[in-house]
Protein backbone atom coordinates (compact mmCIF):
# COMPACT_ATOMS: atom_id res chain seq x y z
CA UNK A 1 -11.01 -23.14 9.02
CA UNK A 2 -9.08 -22.67 5.73
CA UNK A 3 -7.82 -19.20 4.96
CA UNK A 4 -9.68 -17.04 2.45
CA UNK A 5 -7.61 -15.98 -0.58
CA UNK A 6 -9.35 -13.45 -2.82
CA UNK A 7 -7.73 -13.73 -6.26
CA UNK A 8 -8.12 -11.14 -9.04
CA UNK A 9 -6.37 -12.35 -12.20
CA UNK A 10 -7.83 -9.69 -14.46
CA UNK A 11 -9.19 -6.90 -12.25
CA UNK A 12 -11.21 -4.12 -13.81
CA UNK A 13 -9.65 -1.84 -11.21
CA UNK A 14 -7.03 -1.96 -8.45
CA UNK A 15 -6.49 1.35 -6.71
CA UNK A 16 -5.42 3.08 -3.53
CA UNK A 17 -7.90 5.51 -2.03
CA UNK A 18 -8.92 7.18 1.18
CA UNK A 19 -12.01 7.78 3.27
CA UNK A 20 -12.12 10.91 5.41
CA UNK A 21 -10.94 14.51 5.30
CA UNK A 22 -7.24 15.48 5.02
CA UNK A 23 -5.65 14.95 8.41
CA UNK A 24 -8.19 12.26 9.26
CA UNK A 25 -7.92 9.88 6.32
CA UNK A 26 -8.08 6.10 6.34
CA UNK A 27 -6.20 4.37 3.52
CA UNK A 28 -7.56 1.45 1.53
CA UNK A 29 -6.66 -0.69 -1.45
CA UNK A 30 -9.64 -1.82 -3.49
CA UNK A 31 -9.83 -4.48 -6.20
CA UNK A 32 -12.88 -4.82 -8.42
CA UNK A 33 -13.97 -7.16 -11.18
CA UNK A 34 -17.49 -6.76 -12.53
CA UNK A 35 -19.77 -6.87 -9.45
CA UNK A 36 -17.08 -8.22 -7.14
CA UNK A 37 -15.38 -5.71 -4.82
CA UNK A 38 -12.78 -6.42 -2.14
CA UNK A 39 -11.24 -3.68 0.01
CA UNK A 40 -8.51 -3.83 2.63
CA UNK A 41 -7.33 -1.22 5.12
CA UNK A 42 -3.67 -0.28 5.56
CA UNK A 43 -1.26 2.44 6.69
CA UNK A 44 -0.13 5.32 4.52
CA UNK A 45 3.48 4.10 4.72
CA UNK A 46 2.43 0.73 3.36
CA UNK A 47 0.84 2.37 0.32
CA UNK A 48 4.02 4.36 -0.32
CA UNK A 49 6.28 1.33 0.13
CA UNK A 50 4.15 -0.74 -2.23
CA UNK A 51 4.16 1.97 -4.90
CA UNK A 52 7.93 2.42 -4.62
CA UNK A 53 8.63 -1.31 -4.71
CA UNK A 54 6.42 -1.84 -7.74
CA UNK A 55 8.48 0.76 -9.57
CA UNK A 56 11.69 -0.98 -8.53
CA UNK A 57 10.30 -4.39 -9.51
CA UNK A 58 9.39 -3.18 -13.00
CA UNK A 59 12.89 -1.85 -13.54
CA UNK A 60 14.37 -5.12 -12.28
CA UNK A 61 12.32 -7.36 -14.57
CA UNK A 62 13.19 -5.12 -17.51
CA UNK A 63 16.88 -5.45 -16.63
CA UNK A 64 16.74 -9.21 -16.07
CA UNK A 65 14.30 -10.36 -18.72
CA UNK A 66 14.10 -7.51 -21.21
CA UNK A 67 10.37 -7.14 -20.55
CA UNK A 68 9.12 -3.99 -22.30
CA UNK A 69 7.76 -1.38 -19.91
CA UNK A 70 5.39 1.54 -20.33
CA UNK A 71 7.16 4.86 -19.71
CA UNK A 72 7.03 6.43 -16.28
CA UNK A 73 4.45 9.17 -16.07
CA UNK A 74 2.75 11.36 -13.48
CA UNK A 75 -0.49 11.21 -15.43
CA UNK A 76 -3.24 9.16 -13.79
CA UNK A 77 -6.18 8.04 -15.90
CA UNK A 78 -8.37 6.83 -13.00
CA UNK A 79 -8.93 9.55 -10.41
CA UNK A 80 -12.37 8.35 -9.32
CA UNK A 81 -12.92 7.69 -5.61
CA UNK A 82 -13.28 4.27 -4.05
CA UNK A 83 -16.56 2.49 -4.67
CA UNK A 84 -18.85 2.94 -1.68
CA UNK A 85 -19.59 1.65 0.81
CA UNK A 86 -16.06 0.60 1.70
CA UNK A 87 -16.23 -2.55 3.82
CA UNK A 88 -12.70 -3.71 4.62
CA UNK A 89 -12.07 -7.45 4.61
CA UNK A 90 -9.13 -6.95 6.97
CA UNK A 91 -6.25 -4.68 7.94
CA UNK A 92 -3.06 -5.45 6.03
CA UNK A 93 -0.06 -6.74 7.96
CA UNK A 94 2.34 -8.29 5.45
CA UNK A 95 2.61 -7.49 1.74
CA UNK A 96 4.14 -9.67 -0.94
CA UNK A 97 5.29 -8.71 -4.41
CA UNK A 98 6.35 -10.99 -7.23
CA UNK A 99 6.54 -11.45 -10.99
CA UNK A 100 4.63 -14.08 -12.96
CA UNK A 101 6.87 -14.56 -16.01
CA UNK A 102 4.38 -16.77 -17.85
CA UNK A 103 1.53 -14.28 -17.52
CA UNK A 104 3.91 -11.29 -17.65
CA UNK A 105 2.11 -9.87 -14.63
CA UNK A 106 3.09 -8.19 -11.40
CA UNK A 107 1.57 -10.09 -8.50
CA UNK A 108 0.57 -8.12 -5.41
CA UNK A 109 -0.44 -10.00 -2.29
CA UNK A 110 -1.92 -8.36 0.79
CA UNK A 111 -2.13 -10.50 3.93
CA UNK A 112 -4.23 -9.86 7.00
CA UNK A 113 -2.49 -8.68 10.14
CA UNK A 114 -1.83 -11.46 12.65
CA UNK A 115 -1.14 -11.39 16.36
CA UNK A 116 1.81 -13.76 16.20
CA UNK A 117 4.49 -14.75 13.74
CA UNK A 118 3.69 -16.93 10.75
CA UNK A 119 5.64 -18.82 8.14
CA UNK A 120 6.49 -16.29 5.42
CA UNK A 121 6.50 -19.11 2.87
CA UNK A 122 2.68 -18.73 2.73
CA UNK A 123 3.14 -15.42 0.87
CA UNK A 124 2.11 -15.96 -2.77
CA UNK A 125 1.20 -19.54 -1.87
CA UNK A 126 -2.16 -21.34 -1.84
CA UNK A 127 -1.58 -23.27 1.38
CA UNK A 128 -4.66 -23.71 3.57
CA UNK A 129 -2.93 -22.32 6.65
CA UNK A 130 -1.99 -18.69 7.14
CA UNK A 131 -3.59 -15.24 7.11
CA UNK A 132 -6.42 -14.34 4.77
CA UNK A 133 -5.13 -12.64 1.64
CA UNK A 134 -5.97 -10.63 -1.44
CA UNK A 135 -3.90 -11.50 -4.53
CA UNK A 136 -3.99 -9.27 -7.58
CA UNK A 137 -2.33 -9.79 -10.98
CA UNK A 138 -1.47 -6.57 -12.83
CA UNK A 139 -0.11 -5.90 -16.29
CA UNK A 140 2.97 -3.70 -16.37
CA UNK A 141 0.80 -0.80 -17.52
CA UNK A 142 -1.70 -1.35 -14.71
CA UNK A 143 1.15 -1.61 -12.21
CA UNK A 144 2.53 1.75 -13.40
CA UNK A 145 -0.94 3.27 -13.11
CA UNK A 146 -1.39 1.87 -9.58
CA UNK A 147 1.93 3.32 -8.44
CA UNK A 148 1.24 6.73 -10.00
CA UNK A 149 -2.23 6.98 -8.45
CA UNK A 150 -0.93 5.83 -5.06
CA UNK A 151 1.65 8.60 -5.05
CA UNK A 152 -1.05 11.11 -6.01
CA UNK A 153 -3.34 9.88 -3.21
CA UNK A 154 -0.59 10.15 -0.60
CA UNK A 155 0.39 13.67 -1.66
CA UNK A 156 -3.24 14.84 -1.50
CA UNK A 157 -3.18 14.94 2.31
CA UNK A 158 -2.18 17.75 4.62
CA UNK A 159 0.25 20.39 3.40
CA UNK A 160 3.72 20.16 4.99
CA UNK A 161 4.98 22.78 7.41
CA UNK A 162 7.51 25.01 5.57
CA UNK A 163 9.84 24.86 8.59
CA UNK A 164 9.81 21.25 9.79
CA UNK A 165 8.01 19.45 6.91
CA UNK A 166 5.58 17.79 9.34
CA UNK A 167 1.91 17.74 8.17
CA UNK A 168 -0.02 20.88 9.08
CA UNK A 169 -3.09 20.24 11.24
CA UNK A 170 -6.12 22.54 10.90
CA UNK A 171 -6.53 22.30 14.67
CA UNK A 172 -3.01 23.58 15.29
CA UNK A 173 0.62 22.62 14.74
CA UNK A 174 3.49 22.40 17.22
CA UNK A 175 6.62 22.95 15.13
CA UNK A 176 9.84 21.26 16.22
CA UNK A 177 11.85 24.02 14.50
CA UNK A 178 10.30 26.76 16.63
CA UNK A 179 10.05 25.25 20.10
CA UNK A 180 12.07 22.04 20.06
CA UNK A 181 9.08 19.83 20.81
CA UNK A 182 8.03 16.84 18.78
CA UNK A 183 5.21 14.54 19.76
CA UNK A 184 5.89 10.81 20.03
CA UNK A 185 4.59 8.62 17.25
CA UNK A 186 4.85 4.93 16.55
CA UNK A 187 4.46 2.55 13.63
CA UNK A 188 2.70 -0.78 13.96
CA UNK A 189 5.50 -3.28 14.57
CA UNK A 190 3.59 -5.89 12.58
CA UNK A 191 4.13 -4.02 9.31
CA UNK A 192 6.39 -6.07 7.08
CA UNK A 193 7.11 -6.20 3.41
CA UNK A 194 8.04 -9.55 1.96
CA UNK A 195 9.41 -9.48 -1.55
CA UNK A 196 10.10 -13.17 -2.34
CA UNK A 197 12.62 -14.36 -4.92
CA UNK A 198 12.85 -11.18 -6.96
CA UNK A 199 14.30 -9.05 -4.16
CA UNK A 200 16.24 -9.64 -0.98
CA UNK A 201 16.37 -6.20 0.57
CA UNK A 202 17.89 -6.15 4.09
CA UNK A 203 17.59 -2.35 4.23
CA UNK A 204 13.79 -2.40 4.11
CA UNK A 205 13.30 -3.09 7.81
CA UNK A 206 15.73 -0.26 8.64
CA UNK A 207 13.70 2.04 6.40
CA UNK A 208 10.51 1.11 8.22
CA UNK A 209 12.18 1.70 11.57
CA UNK A 210 13.36 5.11 10.36
CA UNK A 211 9.76 5.87 9.42
CA UNK A 212 8.86 5.76 13.12
CA UNK A 213 10.05 9.35 13.24
CA UNK A 214 7.38 10.30 10.71
CA UNK A 215 3.60 10.56 10.98
CA UNK A 216 2.39 6.92 10.65
CA UNK A 217 -0.86 7.86 8.92
CA UNK A 218 -3.32 10.62 8.27
CA UNK A 219 -6.05 8.74 10.01
CA UNK A 220 -7.61 6.83 12.79
CA UNK A 221 -11.21 6.93 11.62
CA UNK A 222 -12.29 4.04 9.39
CA UNK A 223 -15.97 4.98 9.79
CA UNK A 224 -15.80 8.36 8.09
CA UNK A 225 -18.11 8.64 5.06
CA UNK A 226 -16.08 11.09 3.01
CA UNK A 227 -13.79 10.21 0.10
């Protein structure tokens, strides 16, 4: 069966958002155009990586091609929650990021998680074989807005402990700075970030591996009905 590729060339909205209370949040990306809505589930680290890499991509295309960019800003115009109900098409495994010079658009591709390895050449490609995907084309202004909102969404979670900087849990917090204990955590080994052509970043995998020492997400509960 051919893969499903959901393409949004002029989305009305492409945002990161969460479902659930702080400390128990599930992260989503949601693309909408008129009555069409597609949502995908992903880890908090993936949202942060995507936001950071979009910022780096914009600076790179400005340096290489002289493309004018909107100024960086912390202001977010769209603070509305995700459109409900949130029905995820899939959980994101690999992410791709590129630049369409003809359309002057940032291209974000989100691919479904797979059990085994796959040919990374399918990223940003229309081949019939490979994981299902969501592909979104964003103007530079929309890309800036996406990154700014994503950072705001991530920072809206649990407050950090003033001693160890780990997220504070309403149910209790075991601080590594006070008793030397730190619970084991793990990141999904399938998380990858593919940044074809524009970037070749060998340090990215090391950064993801370093993130194993951090809390991999706020959540485990995709069925929560709070936003």
